[in-house]
Amino acid sequence: MTQDTRGGRVQLLEGTFFLGDSILLSDNITLAGLSASTILKLEDNHGYNGLFLVRNNNINDGNEGITIQDITFDGNKNNQTMGYQHGVGFSKVSEARITGCVFREFSGAGIFANRLRNSIISGNAFEKNNYGINIEGFASEGNLFLRLVRKVLRFVRSASGIKIEGLMSRDNSLTNNSFLRNVTTDILIADSVRNIIMNNTHEGDTSTSWRLSGAICTTIYGNISKKQAGYGLYMDGKSYNNTIFANSSEGGIIGFSVTDSDYNSFQENIAIKATNYGFGFEKVSSHNLVVVNTAEENGNEGIMFHTNCVYNVVLSNRCERNGHHGISFLYGCDYNTATGNNLLENGQANVGQCEIYIHKSSYNLISANNCKKITGRDYDIYITDKDSVGNIIVNNVGKLFNGGEKTRY
C-alpha cells in the first residue's frame, strides 16, 4: 500500500523493509535511516513499470524542502521480470537534499528527477544501476513543445522575456558522490540549466560517466572517471555555455566527446588511454574553447575536430604519444585557431600520422606550436589537399607539408 507522509521527520530503524508501492513525501519532511542498516528493498517479481520506492506526493504542482538521508535503496533487479523501477523520483521539487544514501541494482535510475530546483545530492553511492542520477526538464510538455523550445535555445542566447528556465531543472548541486559499475550513464543532465557536478568519482561504468544533452551553463569540476568502457563525458543536443574544468578520464572509448554543441569551455582536463580520441568534437560543434588540457596515450587523436566544426580555439594543450595525430581538423572544420600547444611524439600507431593534420579544412590559424615528431618521420604539420584553402601556418617548431591552396607561412 502507498504510504503518504506529511511534514516533520520519519526515522527508520535498522532492518530490511520490502516495498511493493511508493512511499510518498510531502513538503518539509525528512525521511532518515541508519545508513547501511536501513534498507528499502523492492519486493520480488514486482511487475510494475516506472515504480519509485520513494517519490514526492504532488507531482502536478510540486513539493519543497524534502530531505532523504542515510538509507540504502535496493532495486532487487535480478528478481524482477519486467519494466524499469527507480529509487527516488522527484517531479517539480525544490530545496531537496539527498545525502548519505546508497542506491544499488535498479533497472532504471537510482534518482530520477524532472524540473528539480535548488537541490543538493551529495555523499551518496550508486552501484550497478542502469542510471545513477537522471535529471531532466520539459516534462509533460509534449514533443512538439520540446522541439519548439530547442529551436528557441538554438537561436536565442539570452532567454529574457521567455519562461524557458521555469520548464527546466536548474541550480542543483551533485557533489562527492561515488559511482561503481553502473550500466548506461552515471549522471545525465538533460534540458537543464546552471547545475553543478563536482568532486564525484566514477569507476567501471559500462557506458558514460557524465552526459549532457540540451544542457546550459553546467559546471563539471574536479571529477574522476576511470576504467569505464564508454565515455568520460558525452555532450550533445545543442548543449552550450557549459564549463568542463579539471576533470580526468582514463580509459574507455573517448575521454571527452562533443557533438552538435557550441560555446563550451574545456580547461585543465586530462584524457588518457582512451581507445579512440582524448577530446573529440564532431558535427557542427563550434566556438568551443579548449585550453590547457592533456591528451596522452589515446588510441587515435589527442584532440580531433570532424565535420563542420568552426571557430574553435585550441590553446596551450599537451598532446603526447597518442596513436594518431596530436590535433586534427577534418572535413569542413574552418576558421579554427590552434596556438601554443605542445605536441610530442604522436602517431605511435601509424607511421603516416603527424602532430597537426588538416584535411579538407580551410582558413585555420596554426601558430606557435611546439611539435616534436617521432624520430625518422618526415613532417610535423601536414595539409593534405587542394580543398584546404587559406590556412595560416606561422611560428611553429616543426616541418610543414603543404598540399593545400593559398597557404600562408
Protein backbone atom coordinates (compact mmCIF):
# COMPACT_ATOMS: atom_id res chain seq x y z
CA MET A 1 0.00 0.00 0.00
CA THR A 2 1.19 3.50 -0.77
CA GLN A 3 2.44 5.33 2.32
CA ASP A 4 1.88 9.13 2.42
CA THR A 5 3.96 11.08 4.95
CA ARG A 6 3.14 14.70 5.79
CA GLY A 7 5.65 17.01 7.43
CA GLY A 8 8.18 16.54 10.23
CA ARG A 9 10.67 13.68 10.48
CA VAL A 10 10.24 9.96 9.86
CA GLN A 11 13.05 7.92 11.43
CA LEU A 12 13.51 4.39 10.11
CA LEU A 13 15.32 1.89 12.31
CA GLU A 14 17.63 -0.87 11.18
CA GLY A 15 16.30 -3.74 9.11
CA THR A 16 15.18 -4.59 5.57
CA PHE A 17 11.78 -3.24 4.54
CA PHE A 18 10.25 -4.80 1.40
CA LEU A 19 8.12 -2.40 -0.65
CA GLY A 20 5.54 -3.11 -3.34
CA ASP A 21 4.42 0.51 -3.69
CA SER A 22 5.79 4.02 -3.25
CA ILE A 23 6.41 5.97 -0.07
CA LEU A 24 5.02 9.47 -0.77
CA LEU A 25 6.68 12.51 0.80
CA SER A 26 5.09 15.92 1.30
CA ASP A 27 6.64 19.35 1.94
CA ASN A 28 9.32 19.89 4.57
CA ILE A 29 9.69 16.28 5.61
CA THR A 30 12.82 14.31 6.47
CA LEU A 31 12.98 10.58 5.77
CA ALA A 32 16.01 9.22 7.61
CA GLY A 33 17.54 5.82 8.21
CA LEU A 34 20.61 4.32 9.81
CA SER A 35 22.62 4.12 6.59
CA ALA A 36 23.68 0.60 5.61
CA SER A 37 21.50 -0.99 8.27
CA THR A 38 18.26 0.60 6.99
CA ILE A 39 17.31 -0.97 3.65
CA LEU A 40 14.29 -0.20 1.50
CA LYS A 41 14.08 -3.07 -0.99
CA LEU A 42 11.73 -3.69 -3.90
CA GLU A 43 9.82 -6.93 -3.50
CA ASP A 44 10.47 -9.84 -5.89
CA ASN A 45 8.60 -10.07 -9.21
CA HIS A 46 7.05 -6.67 -8.77
CA GLY A 47 5.94 -6.44 -12.40
CA TYR A 48 5.16 -2.69 -12.41
CA ASN A 49 6.98 -0.40 -14.83
CA GLY A 50 8.04 3.02 -13.59
CA LEU A 51 7.72 2.45 -9.85
CA PHE A 52 9.64 4.73 -7.46
CA LEU A 53 10.38 3.36 -3.99
CA VAL A 54 10.11 6.95 -2.73
CA ARG A 55 8.64 9.99 -4.51
CA ASN A 56 7.05 13.35 -3.77
CA ASN A 57 3.29 13.33 -3.33
CA ASN A 58 2.34 16.32 -5.52
CA ILE A 59 3.71 15.67 -8.99
CA ASN A 60 1.46 18.27 -10.61
CA ASP A 61 2.32 21.35 -8.53
CA GLY A 62 5.49 20.09 -6.88
CA ASN A 63 6.88 19.99 -3.35
CA GLU A 64 9.66 21.68 -1.42
CA GLY A 65 12.01 21.01 1.44
CA ILE A 66 12.19 17.21 1.22
CA THR A 67 15.25 15.58 2.85
CA ILE A 68 16.24 11.92 2.41
CA GLN A 69 19.30 10.68 4.29
CA ASP A 70 21.19 7.59 5.42
CA ILE A 71 19.10 4.92 3.67
CA THR A 72 20.09 2.02 1.42
CA PHE A 73 17.76 1.67 -1.59
CA ASP A 74 17.83 -1.76 -3.26
CA GLY A 75 16.13 -2.25 -6.63
CA ASN A 76 16.48 -6.04 -6.48
CA LYS A 77 16.70 -6.03 -10.29
CA ASN A 78 17.84 -9.63 -10.62
CA ASN A 79 14.49 -10.75 -9.21
CA GLN A 80 12.29 -8.58 -11.45
CA THR A 81 10.64 -9.95 -14.59
CA MET A 82 9.69 -6.73 -16.42
CA GLY A 83 9.82 -2.95 -16.55
CA TYR A 84 12.06 -0.29 -15.09
CA GLN A 85 11.98 0.62 -11.40
CA HIS A 86 13.72 3.56 -9.71
CA GLY A 87 14.89 4.53 -6.24
CA VAL A 88 13.83 8.14 -5.63
CA GLY A 89 11.58 10.08 -8.01
CA PHE A 90 11.10 13.86 -7.82
CA SER A 91 8.83 15.95 -10.03
CA LYS A 92 8.85 19.76 -9.67
CA VAL A 93 10.62 19.56 -6.31
CA SER A 94 12.68 22.44 -4.91
CA GLU A 95 15.08 22.76 -1.96
CA ALA A 96 15.54 19.00 -1.62
CA ARG A 97 18.51 17.19 -0.08
CA ILE A 98 19.57 13.59 -0.62
CA THR A 99 22.67 12.67 1.41
CA GLY A 100 24.46 9.62 2.74
CA CYS A 101 22.35 7.10 0.82
CA VAL A 102 23.20 4.01 -1.22
CA PHE A 103 21.34 3.23 -4.46
CA ARG A 104 22.01 -0.22 -5.85
CA GLU A 105 20.71 -2.55 -8.55
CA PHE A 106 17.86 -0.51 -10.03
CA SER A 107 16.79 -1.41 -13.56
CA GLY A 108 16.01 2.30 -14.01
CA ALA A 109 17.74 5.12 -12.09
CA GLY A 110 18.87 5.46 -8.52
CA ILE A 111 17.48 9.02 -8.61
CA PHE A 112 15.18 10.24 -11.39
CA ALA A 113 14.02 13.88 -11.35
CA ASN A 114 12.39 16.37 -13.66
CA ARG A 115 12.21 20.10 -13.01
CA LEU A 116 14.34 19.68 -9.89
CA ARG A 117 15.38 23.07 -8.49
CA ASN A 118 17.87 24.39 -5.93
CA SER A 119 18.59 20.93 -4.55
CA ILE A 120 21.62 19.03 -3.26
CA ILE A 121 22.57 15.41 -3.98
CA SER A 122 25.76 14.74 -2.04
CA GLY A 123 27.74 11.94 -0.44
CA ASN A 124 25.74 9.09 -1.94
CA ALA A 125 26.87 5.82 -3.57
CA PHE A 126 25.39 4.41 -6.80
CA GLU A 127 26.21 0.81 -7.68
CA LYS A 128 25.09 -1.44 -10.57
CA ASN A 129 22.09 0.67 -11.59
CA ASN A 130 21.11 1.38 -15.18
CA TYR A 131 21.39 5.14 -14.50
CA GLY A 132 22.87 6.65 -11.38
CA ILE A 133 21.29 10.14 -11.42
CA ASN A 134 18.94 11.25 -14.20
CA ILE A 135 17.86 14.91 -14.09
CA GLU A 136 15.69 16.31 -16.87
CA GLY A 137 13.50 19.26 -17.77
CA PHE A 138 10.50 19.91 -20.05
CA ALA A 139 8.44 17.12 -18.51
CA SER A 140 4.86 16.58 -19.68
CA GLU A 141 5.08 19.27 -22.34
CA GLY A 142 4.83 17.01 -25.38
CA ASN A 143 7.27 16.52 -28.22
CA LEU A 144 6.05 19.48 -30.30
CA PHE A 145 6.64 21.91 -27.46
CA LEU A 146 10.06 20.41 -26.75
CA ARG A 147 11.11 20.86 -30.35
CA LEU A 148 9.93 24.49 -30.29
CA VAL A 149 11.88 25.30 -27.13
CA ARG A 150 15.02 23.73 -28.54
CA LYS A 151 14.69 25.91 -31.63
CA VAL A 152 14.50 28.95 -29.37
CA LEU A 153 17.59 27.80 -27.47
CA ARG A 154 19.46 27.35 -30.73
CA PHE A 155 19.00 30.93 -31.86
CA VAL A 156 18.47 32.90 -28.64
CA ARG A 157 21.43 33.05 -26.26
CA SER A 158 19.50 35.22 -23.79
CA ALA A 159 16.04 33.97 -22.85
CA SER A 160 14.78 37.19 -21.22
CA GLY A 161 11.06 37.50 -21.70
CA ILE A 162 10.68 33.77 -22.44
CA LYS A 163 9.95 31.49 -19.49
CA ILE A 164 12.43 28.82 -20.52
CA GLU A 165 14.05 28.23 -17.14
CA GLY A 166 10.75 27.55 -15.40
CA LEU A 167 10.46 24.43 -17.53
CA MET A 168 13.94 23.18 -16.70
CA SER A 169 15.78 21.52 -13.86
CA ARG A 170 18.12 24.20 -12.56
CA ASP A 171 20.57 25.29 -9.86
CA ASN A 172 21.20 21.84 -8.43
CA SER A 173 24.44 20.57 -6.90
CA LEU A 174 25.67 16.98 -7.37
CA THR A 175 28.82 16.61 -5.26
CA ASN A 176 31.03 13.99 -3.63
CA ASN A 177 29.03 11.02 -4.86
CA SER A 178 30.58 7.71 -5.93
CA PHE A 179 29.53 5.60 -8.92
CA LEU A 180 30.56 2.00 -9.44
CA ARG A 181 29.73 -0.28 -12.38
CA ASN A 182 26.52 1.42 -13.49
CA VAL A 183 25.28 0.34 -16.92
CA THR A 184 24.21 3.29 -19.10
CA THR A 185 25.08 6.64 -17.51
CA ASP A 186 26.22 7.72 -14.06
CA ILE A 187 24.96 11.32 -14.30
CA LEU A 188 22.59 12.54 -17.01
CA ILE A 189 21.68 16.24 -17.17
CA ALA A 190 19.13 16.93 -19.93
CA ASP A 191 17.36 20.17 -20.93
CA SER A 192 18.52 21.85 -17.73
CA VAL A 193 20.41 24.97 -16.67
CA ARG A 194 23.03 26.04 -14.10
CA ASN A 195 23.68 22.67 -12.47
CA ILE A 196 26.97 21.78 -10.77
CA ILE A 197 28.64 18.35 -10.95
CA MET A 198 31.68 18.39 -8.67
CA ASN A 199 34.15 16.04 -6.99
CA ASN A 200 32.39 12.81 -7.90
CA THR A 201 34.23 9.54 -8.55
CA HIS A 202 33.32 7.05 -11.28
CA GLU A 203 34.73 3.58 -11.86
CA GLY A 204 33.90 0.64 -14.07
CA ASP A 205 30.98 2.20 -15.98
CA THR A 206 29.68 0.27 -18.95
CA SER A 207 28.91 3.49 -20.83
CA THR A 208 29.22 7.15 -19.73
CA SER A 209 30.24 8.96 -16.58
CA TRP A 210 28.82 12.42 -17.41
CA ARG A 211 26.16 13.02 -20.07
CA LEU A 212 24.91 16.49 -21.05
CA SER A 213 22.05 16.71 -23.56
CA GLY A 214 20.50 20.09 -24.16
CA ALA A 215 22.25 21.33 -21.02
CA ILE A 216 23.06 25.01 -20.47
CA CYS A 217 25.57 26.63 -18.10
CA THR A 218 26.50 23.35 -16.39
CA THR A 219 29.75 23.22 -14.43
CA ILE A 220 31.58 19.88 -14.32
CA TYR A 221 34.56 20.30 -11.99
CA GLY A 222 37.08 18.06 -10.28
CA ASN A 223 35.50 14.69 -11.15
CA ILE A 224 37.46 11.48 -11.72
CA SER A 225 36.41 8.77 -14.17
CA LYS A 226 38.44 5.60 -14.65
CA LYS A 227 38.14 2.10 -16.03
CA GLN A 228 34.91 2.91 -17.85
CA ALA A 229 34.03 1.07 -21.04
CA GLY A 230 32.35 4.02 -22.77
CA TYR A 231 32.89 7.77 -22.36
CA GLY A 232 34.09 10.06 -19.65
CA LEU A 233 31.93 12.94 -20.94
CA TYR A 234 29.34 12.73 -23.73
CA MET A 235 27.79 16.07 -24.72
CA ASP A 236 25.12 16.57 -27.39
CA GLY A 237 21.66 18.03 -28.01
CA LYS A 238 22.89 21.59 -28.58
CA SER A 239 24.36 21.91 -25.14
CA TYR A 240 26.05 25.29 -24.75
CA ASN A 241 27.87 27.61 -22.33
CA ASN A 242 28.99 24.68 -20.17
CA THR A 243 32.28 24.69 -18.25
CA ILE A 244 34.25 21.43 -18.07
CA PHE A 245 37.18 22.08 -15.73
CA ALA A 246 39.87 19.97 -14.04
CA ASN A 247 38.31 16.55 -14.64
CA SER A 248 40.15 13.35 -15.52
CA SER A 249 39.04 10.47 -17.71
CA GLU A 250 41.08 7.29 -18.01
CA GLY A 251 40.25 4.52 -20.46
CA GLY A 252 37.00 3.99 -22.32
CA ILE A 253 36.19 4.85 -25.94
CA ILE A 254 36.57 8.66 -25.83
CA GLY A 255 37.62 10.80 -22.90
CA PHE A 256 35.55 13.88 -23.76
CA SER A 257 33.10 13.65 -26.68
CA VAL A 258 31.18 16.68 -28.03
CA THR A 259 28.55 16.56 -30.79
CA ASP A 260 26.44 19.46 -32.10
CA SER A 261 27.25 21.72 -29.12
CA ASP A 262 28.66 25.26 -29.00
CA TYR A 263 30.33 27.84 -26.75
CA ASN A 264 31.60 25.33 -24.21
CA SER A 265 34.84 25.67 -22.26
CA PHE A 266 37.23 22.78 -21.63
CA GLN A 267 40.08 23.70 -19.28
CA GLU A 268 42.74 21.68 -17.45
CA ASN A 269 41.12 18.30 -18.11
CA ILE A 270 43.07 15.05 -18.58
CA ALA A 271 42.14 12.33 -21.07
CA ILE A 272 44.41 9.30 -21.11
CA LYS A 273 44.36 5.82 -22.62
CA ALA A 274 41.00 6.01 -24.41
CA THR A 275 40.75 3.60 -27.32
CA ASN A 276 39.75 6.44 -29.69
CA TYR A 277 40.14 10.17 -29.01
CA GLY A 278 41.16 12.07 -25.95
CA PHE A 279 38.91 15.00 -26.95
CA GLY A 280 36.56 14.62 -29.92
CA PHE A 281 34.44 17.44 -31.40
CA GLU A 282 32.03 16.45 -34.17
CA LYS A 283 29.11 17.58 -36.35
CA VAL A 284 28.86 21.35 -36.11
CA SER A 285 30.40 21.85 -32.68
CA SER A 286 31.65 25.42 -32.85
CA HIS A 287 33.02 28.31 -30.78
CA ASN A 288 34.36 25.93 -28.13
CA LEU A 289 37.40 26.83 -26.04
CA VAL A 290 39.93 24.04 -25.43
CA VAL A 291 42.70 25.31 -23.13
CA VAL A 292 45.49 23.70 -21.06
CA ASN A 293 44.18 20.15 -21.35
CA THR A 294 46.24 16.95 -21.53
CA ALA A 295 45.61 14.15 -24.03
CA GLU A 296 48.04 11.29 -23.60
CA GLU A 297 48.35 7.73 -24.95
CA ASN A 298 44.91 7.67 -26.56
CA GLY A 299 44.39 5.26 -29.46
CA ASN A 300 43.59 7.88 -32.12
CA GLU A 301 43.92 11.69 -32.00
CA GLY A 302 44.66 13.63 -28.89
CA ILE A 303 42.24 16.42 -29.97
CA MET A 304 40.05 15.91 -33.04
CA PHE A 305 37.60 18.17 -34.91
CA HIS A 306 35.42 16.47 -37.52
CA THR A 307 32.69 17.74 -39.88
CA ASN A 308 31.93 21.47 -39.96
CA CYS A 309 33.32 22.42 -36.56
CA VAL A 310 34.25 26.10 -36.90
CA TYR A 311 35.68 28.95 -34.81
CA ASN A 312 37.06 26.75 -32.06
CA VAL A 313 40.16 27.82 -30.10
CA VAL A 314 42.74 25.20 -29.10
CA LEU A 315 45.31 26.82 -26.83
CA SER A 316 48.25 25.59 -24.73
CA ASN A 317 47.27 21.93 -24.61
CA ARG A 318 49.64 18.97 -24.36
CA CYS A 319 49.12 16.01 -26.70
CA GLU A 320 51.69 13.28 -26.20
CA ARG A 321 52.19 9.76 -27.56
CA ASN A 322 48.68 9.40 -28.98
CA GLY A 323 48.16 6.71 -31.60
CA HIS A 324 47.25 9.04 -34.48
CA HIS A 325 47.65 12.82 -34.82
CA GLY A 326 48.11 15.21 -31.95
CA ILE A 327 45.49 17.67 -33.30
CA SER A 328 43.39 17.26 -36.44
CA PHE A 329 40.90 19.37 -38.42
CA LEU A 330 38.86 17.22 -40.82
CA TYR A 331 36.10 17.85 -43.40
CA GLY A 332 34.96 21.45 -43.27
CA CYS A 333 36.50 22.40 -39.94
CA ASP A 334 37.29 26.00 -40.85
CA TYR A 335 38.36 29.21 -39.07
CA ASN A 336 39.77 27.40 -36.04
CA THR A 337 42.82 28.51 -34.06
CA ALA A 338 45.50 26.17 -32.67
CA THR A 339 48.15 28.14 -30.78
CA GLY A 340 50.86 27.38 -28.26
CA ASN A 341 50.23 23.64 -28.00
CA ASN A 342 52.91 21.10 -27.12
CA LEU A 343 52.67 18.11 -29.47
CA LEU A 344 55.11 15.34 -28.65
CA GLU A 345 55.69 12.05 -30.46
CA ASN A 346 52.12 11.48 -31.60
CA GLY A 347 51.40 8.90 -34.28
CA GLN A 348 52.54 5.94 -32.22
CA ALA A 349 50.15 3.57 -34.04
CA ASN A 350 50.90 4.55 -37.64
CA VAL A 351 53.93 6.00 -39.42
CA GLY A 352 51.61 8.11 -41.62
CA GLN A 353 50.44 10.25 -38.70
CA CYS A 354 51.83 13.60 -37.54
CA GLU A 355 51.48 16.28 -34.88
CA ILE A 356 48.93 18.58 -36.64
CA TYR A 357 46.83 17.32 -39.54
CA ILE A 358 44.49 19.36 -41.80
CA HIS A 359 42.21 17.64 -44.31
CA LYS A 360 39.59 19.41 -46.44
CA SER A 361 39.51 22.29 -43.96
CA SER A 362 40.29 25.95 -44.59
CA TYR A 363 41.28 29.29 -43.05
CA ASN A 364 42.66 27.83 -39.84
CA LEU A 365 45.39 29.61 -37.88
CA ILE A 366 48.16 27.26 -36.72
CA SER A 367 50.73 29.25 -34.77
CA ALA A 368 53.45 28.98 -32.13
CA ASN A 369 53.01 25.25 -31.60
CA ASN A 370 55.92 23.12 -30.44
CA CYS A 371 55.99 19.91 -32.47
CA LYS A 372 58.34 17.05 -31.77
CA LYS A 373 57.75 14.17 -34.15
CA ILE A 374 58.86 10.59 -33.74
CA THR A 375 62.42 10.08 -34.93
CA GLY A 376 62.58 9.31 -38.65
CA ARG A 377 59.22 10.84 -39.58
CA ASP A 378 59.29 13.49 -42.32
CA TYR A 379 56.69 16.07 -41.27
CA ASP A 380 55.17 17.57 -38.15
CA ILE A 381 52.34 19.63 -39.73
CA TYR A 382 50.52 18.18 -42.73
CA ILE A 383 47.96 19.83 -45.06
CA THR A 384 46.69 17.10 -47.32
CA ASP A 385 44.78 18.52 -50.28
CA LYS A 386 43.71 21.40 -52.53
CA ASP A 387 40.34 21.58 -50.81
CA SER A 388 42.19 23.01 -47.82
CA VAL A 389 42.42 26.70 -48.66
CA GLY A 390 43.93 29.75 -46.97
CA ASN A 391 45.32 28.16 -43.84
CA ILE A 392 47.92 30.25 -41.96
CA ILE A 393 50.91 28.32 -40.59
CA VAL A 394 53.29 30.61 -38.67
CA ASN A 395 55.96 30.48 -35.96
CA ASN A 396 55.66 26.77 -35.27
CA VAL A 397 58.53 24.46 -34.31
CA GLY A 398 58.26 21.64 -36.84
CA LYS A 399 58.36 20.86 -40.54
CA LEU A 400 55.36 21.59 -42.80
CA PHE A 401 53.99 19.60 -45.76
CA ASN A 402 51.73 21.93 -47.73
CA GLY A 403 49.31 20.21 -50.09
CA GLY A 404 46.75 22.98 -49.73
CA GLU A 405 45.93 26.09 -51.75
CA LYS A 406 46.83 29.69 -50.82
CA THR A 407 48.53 28.62 -47.59
CA ARG A 408 50.39 31.41 -45.83
CA TYR A 409 53.55 30.60 -43.88
